[in-house]
Amino acid sequence: MTYSQEPLATGQAVRRFKDPAYVELAPNLQTLRDQIDDLDRQIVALLAARSLRVRDATRFKKDAFQVAAPARQAEVFKKVRNLASEHADNFPGFEDIVESAYRSLVAGFIAAEHTLFSQTEEVRS
């Protein structure tokens, strides 16, 4: 018998949670992967919508410091960590995962916003 590093996607579960209240979400790994792929599509679409708002927010910034907006960053990280804590009961370290993801996202958005800022001009009254 050979051992595969990858689990069999269409087979039955080989482990179970000790918690009797645990509710299974799918009959096999492939179904879970399909569900995760669908969630990924939704997440990317939401990030695209967020990026359009970040782009538009560039119009309201006077300089590069305002693009970086460190106080706003801290506010966002605190907010998403609090939001994550509302969903953290079933996954250890969920708040840390969400905050880390947002730190990476915000860094990328800010880098792009600096590029976008250079494509703007001051509005003269």
N, C-alpha and C. Protein backbone atom coordinates (compact mmCIF):
# COMPACT_ATOMS: atom_id res chain seq x y z
N MET A 1 0.84 -1.18 0.00
CA MET A 1 0.00 0.00 0.00
C MET A 1 0.89 1.25 0.00
N THR A 2 0.55 2.21 -0.86
CA THR A 2 1.32 3.45 -0.91
C THR A 2 0.57 4.55 -0.16
N TYR A 3 1.34 5.42 0.41
CA TYR A 3 0.77 6.53 1.16
C TYR A 3 0.90 7.78 0.32
N SER A 4 -0.20 8.48 0.12
CA SER A 4 -0.20 9.73 -0.64
C SER A 4 -0.10 10.91 0.32
N GLN A 5 0.67 11.91 -0.07
CA GLN A 5 0.76 13.13 0.72
C GLN A 5 -0.56 13.91 0.69
N GLU A 6 -1.31 13.75 -0.38
CA GLU A 6 -2.58 14.46 -0.54
C GLU A 6 -3.75 13.58 -0.11
N PRO A 7 -4.71 14.15 0.59
CA PRO A 7 -5.88 13.34 0.98
C PRO A 7 -6.76 13.04 -0.23
N LEU A 8 -7.48 11.96 -0.16
CA LEU A 8 -8.40 11.58 -1.21
C LEU A 8 -9.60 12.53 -1.18
N ALA A 9 -9.81 13.26 -2.27
CA ALA A 9 -10.82 14.32 -2.30
C ALA A 9 -12.25 13.79 -2.26
N THR A 10 -12.46 12.60 -2.78
CA THR A 10 -13.83 12.09 -2.85
C THR A 10 -14.11 10.99 -1.83
N GLY A 11 -13.15 10.68 -1.01
CA GLY A 11 -13.34 9.62 -0.01
C GLY A 11 -14.04 10.11 1.23
N GLN A 12 -14.28 9.17 2.13
CA GLN A 12 -14.91 9.48 3.41
C GLN A 12 -13.88 10.09 4.36
N ALA A 13 -14.38 10.77 5.36
CA ALA A 13 -13.51 11.37 6.38
C ALA A 13 -12.73 10.27 7.10
N VAL A 14 -11.49 10.56 7.44
CA VAL A 14 -10.64 9.61 8.17
C VAL A 14 -10.43 10.05 9.62
N ARG A 15 -10.96 11.21 9.98
CA ARG A 15 -10.88 11.72 11.34
C ARG A 15 -12.22 12.36 11.68
N ARG A 16 -12.47 12.56 12.98
CA ARG A 16 -13.66 13.29 13.40
C ARG A 16 -13.30 14.15 14.60
N PHE A 17 -14.06 15.20 14.78
CA PHE A 17 -13.86 16.07 15.92
C PHE A 17 -14.46 15.42 17.16
N LYS A 18 -13.79 15.59 18.29
CA LYS A 18 -14.25 15.00 19.55
C LYS A 18 -15.51 15.70 20.07
N ASP A 19 -15.70 16.94 19.68
CA ASP A 19 -16.86 17.72 20.12
C ASP A 19 -18.14 17.14 19.50
N PRO A 20 -19.06 16.62 20.32
CA PRO A 20 -20.29 16.02 19.78
C PRO A 20 -21.20 17.05 19.11
N ALA A 21 -21.00 18.33 19.38
CA ALA A 21 -21.84 19.37 18.78
C ALA A 21 -21.33 19.80 17.40
N TYR A 22 -20.17 19.26 17.00
CA TYR A 22 -19.61 19.66 15.70
C TYR A 22 -20.56 19.26 14.57
N VAL A 23 -20.79 20.17 13.65
CA VAL A 23 -21.68 19.93 12.51
C VAL A 23 -20.83 19.87 11.24
N GLU A 24 -20.90 18.73 10.55
CA GLU A 24 -20.17 18.58 9.29
C GLU A 24 -20.80 19.48 8.23
N LEU A 25 -19.95 20.07 7.38
CA LEU A 25 -20.42 20.99 6.36
C LEU A 25 -20.53 20.36 4.98
N ALA A 26 -19.92 19.19 4.80
CA ALA A 26 -19.94 18.54 3.49
C ALA A 26 -19.64 17.06 3.65
N PRO A 27 -20.07 16.24 2.68
CA PRO A 27 -19.86 14.80 2.77
C PRO A 27 -18.44 14.36 2.40
N ASN A 28 -17.71 15.23 1.68
CA ASN A 28 -16.34 14.85 1.29
C ASN A 28 -15.49 16.09 1.06
N LEU A 29 -14.20 15.87 0.91
CA LEU A 29 -13.25 16.96 0.76
C LEU A 29 -13.48 17.74 -0.53
N GLN A 30 -13.85 17.07 -1.61
CA GLN A 30 -14.06 17.78 -2.87
C GLN A 30 -15.19 18.79 -2.76
N THR A 31 -16.25 18.43 -2.08
CA THR A 31 -17.36 19.37 -1.88
C THR A 31 -16.90 20.58 -1.08
N LEU A 32 -16.11 20.33 -0.03
CA LEU A 32 -15.57 21.44 0.75
C LEU A 32 -14.68 22.33 -0.11
N ARG A 33 -13.83 21.72 -0.93
CA ARG A 33 -12.96 22.50 -1.82
C ARG A 33 -13.78 23.33 -2.80
N ASP A 34 -14.84 22.76 -3.33
CA ASP A 34 -15.72 23.51 -4.23
C ASP A 34 -16.36 24.70 -3.51
N GLN A 35 -16.78 24.47 -2.27
CA GLN A 35 -17.36 25.56 -1.47
C GLN A 35 -16.32 26.65 -1.20
N ILE A 36 -15.10 26.23 -0.89
CA ILE A 36 -14.02 27.19 -0.64
C ILE A 36 -13.72 27.99 -1.91
N ASP A 37 -13.70 27.31 -3.06
CA ASP A 37 -13.47 28.01 -4.33
C ASP A 37 -14.55 29.06 -4.57
N ASP A 38 -15.79 28.73 -4.26
CA ASP A 38 -16.89 29.69 -4.43
C ASP A 38 -16.70 30.88 -3.48
N LEU A 39 -16.33 30.60 -2.24
CA LEU A 39 -16.06 31.69 -1.30
C LEU A 39 -14.91 32.56 -1.79
N ASP A 40 -13.86 31.94 -2.34
CA ASP A 40 -12.73 32.71 -2.88
C ASP A 40 -13.19 33.65 -4.00
N ARG A 41 -14.08 33.16 -4.88
CA ARG A 41 -14.61 34.03 -5.95
C ARG A 41 -15.34 35.23 -5.34
N GLN A 42 -16.12 34.98 -4.31
CA GLN A 42 -16.86 36.07 -3.66
C GLN A 42 -15.91 37.05 -2.97
N ILE A 43 -14.90 36.52 -2.31
CA ILE A 43 -13.93 37.37 -1.63
C ILE A 43 -13.20 38.25 -2.63
N VAL A 44 -12.75 37.68 -3.74
CA VAL A 44 -12.04 38.46 -4.76
C VAL A 44 -12.95 39.54 -5.34
N ALA A 45 -14.21 39.22 -5.58
CA ALA A 45 -15.15 40.22 -6.09
C ALA A 45 -15.33 41.36 -5.08
N LEU A 46 -15.40 41.03 -3.80
CA LEU A 46 -15.52 42.06 -2.77
C LEU A 46 -14.24 42.90 -2.68
N LEU A 47 -13.09 42.26 -2.83
CA LEU A 47 -11.83 43.01 -2.83
C LEU A 47 -11.75 43.95 -4.04
N ALA A 48 -12.26 43.50 -5.17
CA ALA A 48 -12.29 44.37 -6.36
C ALA A 48 -13.17 45.58 -6.10
N ALA A 49 -14.32 45.36 -5.46
CA ALA A 49 -15.21 46.48 -5.12
C ALA A 49 -14.52 47.41 -4.12
N ARG A 50 -13.80 46.84 -3.17
CA ARG A 50 -13.06 47.65 -2.20
C ARG A 50 -11.99 48.48 -2.90
N SER A 51 -11.31 47.87 -3.86
CA SER A 51 -10.24 48.58 -4.57
C SER A 51 -10.77 49.80 -5.32
N LEU A 52 -11.98 49.71 -5.85
CA LEU A 52 -12.58 50.87 -6.53
C LEU A 52 -12.83 52.01 -5.54
N ARG A 53 -13.22 51.67 -4.32
CA ARG A 53 -13.42 52.70 -3.29
C ARG A 53 -12.10 53.31 -2.86
N VAL A 54 -11.06 52.48 -2.76
CA VAL A 54 -9.73 52.99 -2.42
C VAL A 54 -9.26 53.94 -3.51
N ARG A 55 -9.46 53.55 -4.78
CA ARG A 55 -9.06 54.41 -5.89
C ARG A 55 -9.79 55.76 -5.79
N ASP A 56 -11.09 55.72 -5.57
CA ASP A 56 -11.86 56.97 -5.50
C ASP A 56 -11.46 57.81 -4.30
N ALA A 57 -11.09 57.17 -3.20
CA ALA A 57 -10.65 57.89 -2.00
C ALA A 57 -9.40 58.72 -2.27
N THR A 58 -8.62 58.33 -3.27
CA THR A 58 -7.40 59.05 -3.64
C THR A 58 -7.71 60.51 -3.95
N ARG A 59 -8.89 60.79 -4.47
CA ARG A 59 -9.27 62.16 -4.83
C ARG A 59 -9.32 63.09 -3.63
N PHE A 60 -9.43 62.54 -2.44
CA PHE A 60 -9.59 63.34 -1.23
C PHE A 60 -8.28 63.52 -0.44
N LYS A 61 -7.18 63.02 -0.98
CA LYS A 61 -5.90 63.06 -0.28
C LYS A 61 -5.04 64.20 -0.83
N LYS A 62 -4.44 65.00 0.09
CA LYS A 62 -3.59 66.13 -0.32
C LYS A 62 -2.16 65.72 -0.63
N ASP A 63 -1.67 64.69 0.07
CA ASP A 63 -0.27 64.33 -0.08
C ASP A 63 -0.06 62.85 0.25
N ALA A 64 1.20 62.40 0.14
CA ALA A 64 1.53 60.99 0.34
C ALA A 64 1.25 60.53 1.78
N PHE A 65 1.41 61.43 2.76
CA PHE A 65 1.11 61.05 4.14
C PHE A 65 -0.36 60.72 4.28
N GLN A 66 -1.21 61.53 3.65
CA GLN A 66 -2.64 61.26 3.73
C GLN A 66 -3.01 59.97 2.99
N VAL A 67 -2.24 59.62 1.97
CA VAL A 67 -2.47 58.34 1.29
C VAL A 67 -2.21 57.20 2.27
N ALA A 68 -1.11 57.28 3.01
CA ALA A 68 -0.76 56.22 3.96
C ALA A 68 -1.74 56.18 5.14
N ALA A 69 -2.20 57.34 5.57
CA ALA A 69 -3.20 57.46 6.63
C ALA A 69 -3.00 56.48 7.79
N PRO A 70 -1.89 56.63 8.54
CA PRO A 70 -1.61 55.65 9.60
C PRO A 70 -2.71 55.53 10.66
N ALA A 71 -3.36 56.63 11.01
CA ALA A 71 -4.44 56.54 12.00
C ALA A 71 -5.60 55.72 11.46
N ARG A 72 -5.92 55.90 10.19
CA ARG A 72 -7.00 55.13 9.57
C ARG A 72 -6.62 53.65 9.51
N GLN A 73 -5.34 53.36 9.20
CA GLN A 73 -4.89 51.96 9.18
C GLN A 73 -5.14 51.31 10.54
N ALA A 74 -4.71 51.98 11.60
CA ALA A 74 -4.89 51.43 12.95
C ALA A 74 -6.37 51.19 13.24
N GLU A 75 -7.21 52.12 12.80
CA GLU A 75 -8.65 51.99 12.99
C GLU A 75 -9.20 50.76 12.25
N VAL A 76 -8.75 50.57 11.02
CA VAL A 76 -9.20 49.42 10.21
C VAL A 76 -8.77 48.11 10.87
N PHE A 77 -7.51 48.03 11.30
CA PHE A 77 -7.01 46.79 11.90
C PHE A 77 -7.77 46.45 13.18
N LYS A 78 -8.06 47.47 13.98
CA LYS A 78 -8.82 47.24 15.22
C LYS A 78 -10.24 46.78 14.87
N LYS A 79 -10.85 47.44 13.89
CA LYS A 79 -12.23 47.11 13.49
C LYS A 79 -12.33 45.68 12.99
N VAL A 80 -11.42 45.27 12.08
CA VAL A 80 -11.53 43.92 11.52
C VAL A 80 -11.21 42.85 12.57
N ARG A 81 -10.32 43.18 13.48
CA ARG A 81 -10.03 42.23 14.56
C ARG A 81 -11.28 42.03 15.42
N ASN A 82 -11.98 43.12 15.72
CA ASN A 82 -13.22 43.02 16.49
C ASN A 82 -14.28 42.24 15.72
N LEU A 83 -14.40 42.51 14.43
CA LEU A 83 -15.35 41.75 13.60
C LEU A 83 -15.00 40.27 13.60
N ALA A 84 -13.71 39.97 13.49
CA ALA A 84 -13.27 38.57 13.47
C ALA A 84 -13.57 37.88 14.79
N SER A 85 -13.48 38.62 15.89
CA SER A 85 -13.73 38.00 17.20
C SER A 85 -15.17 37.51 17.31
N GLU A 86 -16.08 38.09 16.53
CA GLU A 86 -17.48 37.64 16.53
C GLU A 86 -17.64 36.27 15.87
N HIS A 87 -16.61 35.84 15.13
CA HIS A 87 -16.67 34.57 14.39
C HIS A 87 -15.56 33.61 14.80
N ALA A 88 -14.89 33.90 15.90
CA ALA A 88 -13.67 33.18 16.25
C ALA A 88 -13.87 31.92 17.09
N ASP A 89 -15.08 31.64 17.51
CA ASP A 89 -15.30 30.52 18.42
C ASP A 89 -14.86 29.18 17.87
N ASN A 90 -14.99 28.98 16.58
CA ASN A 90 -14.75 27.66 16.00
C ASN A 90 -13.41 27.51 15.29
N PHE A 91 -12.57 28.54 15.34
CA PHE A 91 -11.29 28.43 14.64
C PHE A 91 -10.22 29.15 15.44
N PRO A 92 -9.25 28.41 15.98
CA PRO A 92 -8.22 29.02 16.83
C PRO A 92 -7.38 30.03 16.06
N GLY A 93 -7.16 31.19 16.66
CA GLY A 93 -6.31 32.21 16.05
C GLY A 93 -6.97 32.99 14.93
N PHE A 94 -8.30 32.90 14.81
CA PHE A 94 -8.99 33.54 13.69
C PHE A 94 -8.75 35.05 13.65
N GLU A 95 -8.79 35.71 14.81
CA GLU A 95 -8.55 37.16 14.84
C GLU A 95 -7.18 37.50 14.28
N ASP A 96 -6.16 36.71 14.64
CA ASP A 96 -4.80 36.95 14.13
C ASP A 96 -4.73 36.75 12.62
N ILE A 97 -5.41 35.73 12.13
CA ILE A 97 -5.41 35.45 10.69
C ILE A 97 -6.04 36.61 9.93
N VAL A 98 -7.18 37.08 10.41
CA VAL A 98 -7.88 38.18 9.73
C VAL A 98 -7.04 39.46 9.78
N GLU A 99 -6.50 39.78 10.95
CA GLU A 99 -5.68 40.99 11.05
C GLU A 99 -4.47 40.91 10.14
N SER A 100 -3.80 39.77 10.12
CA SER A 100 -2.64 39.60 9.25
C SER A 100 -3.01 39.77 7.78
N ALA A 101 -4.13 39.18 7.38
CA ALA A 101 -4.58 39.31 5.99
C ALA A 101 -4.86 40.77 5.66
N TYR A 102 -5.50 41.47 6.57
CA TYR A 102 -5.81 42.89 6.32
C TYR A 102 -4.56 43.74 6.30
N ARG A 103 -3.59 43.43 7.13
CA ARG A 103 -2.34 44.20 7.09
C ARG A 103 -1.68 44.06 5.71
N SER A 104 -1.69 42.87 5.18
CA SER A 104 -1.14 42.64 3.84
C SER A 104 -1.97 43.35 2.78
N LEU A 105 -3.29 43.23 2.86
CA LEU A 105 -4.18 43.90 1.91
C LEU A 105 -3.99 45.41 1.93
N VAL A 106 -4.00 45.99 3.11
CA VAL A 106 -3.87 47.44 3.22
C VAL A 106 -2.53 47.91 2.68
N ALA A 107 -1.47 47.17 2.97
CA ALA A 107 -0.15 47.55 2.43
C ALA A 107 -0.18 47.56 0.90
N GLY A 108 -0.79 46.56 0.31
CA GLY A 108 -0.90 46.51 -1.15
C GLY A 108 -1.76 47.62 -1.70
N PHE A 109 -2.89 47.89 -1.04
CA PHE A 109 -3.77 48.97 -1.49
C PHE A 109 -3.06 50.32 -1.38
N ILE A 110 -2.32 50.54 -0.30
CA ILE A 110 -1.62 51.81 -0.14
C ILE A 110 -0.55 51.98 -1.21
N ALA A 111 0.19 50.92 -1.49
CA ALA A 111 1.21 51.00 -2.55
C ALA A 111 0.55 51.38 -3.88
N ALA A 112 -0.57 50.75 -4.19
CA ALA A 112 -1.28 51.07 -5.43
C ALA A 112 -1.84 52.49 -5.39
N GLU A 113 -2.32 52.90 -4.22
CA GLU A 113 -2.88 54.24 -4.11
C GLU A 113 -1.81 55.31 -4.31
N HIS A 114 -0.58 55.03 -3.89
CA HIS A 114 0.51 55.98 -4.16
C HIS A 114 0.69 56.14 -5.67
N THR A 115 0.62 55.05 -6.41
CA THR A 115 0.71 55.12 -7.87
C THR A 115 -0.47 55.92 -8.43
N LEU A 116 -1.65 55.64 -7.94
CA LEU A 116 -2.84 56.37 -8.39
C LEU A 116 -2.75 57.85 -8.04
N PHE A 117 -2.21 58.16 -6.86
CA PHE A 117 -2.07 59.55 -6.43
C PHE A 117 -1.22 60.33 -7.43
N SER A 118 -0.18 59.69 -7.96
CA SER A 118 0.69 60.37 -8.93
C SER A 118 -0.04 60.63 -10.25
N GLN A 119 -1.19 60.02 -10.43
CA GLN A 119 -1.98 60.22 -11.65
C GLN A 119 -3.09 61.26 -11.45
N THR A 120 -3.07 61.93 -10.30
CA THR A 120 -4.08 62.95 -10.01
C THR A 120 -3.45 64.33 -10.09
N GLU A 121 -4.29 65.33 -10.12
CA GLU A 121 -3.83 66.71 -10.06
C GLU A 121 -4.71 67.47 -9.09
N GLU A 122 -4.15 68.54 -8.55
CA GLU A 122 -4.88 69.33 -7.57
C GLU A 122 -6.07 70.02 -8.24
N VAL A 123 -7.19 70.05 -7.52
CA VAL A 123 -8.37 70.77 -7.99
C VAL A 123 -8.21 72.23 -7.57
N ARG A 124 -8.32 73.11 -8.52
CA ARG A 124 -8.21 74.55 -8.22
C ARG A 124 -9.61 75.15 -8.14
N SER A 125 -9.85 75.87 -7.06
CA SER A 125 -11.19 76.48 -6.88
C SER A 125 -11.32 77.76 -7.65
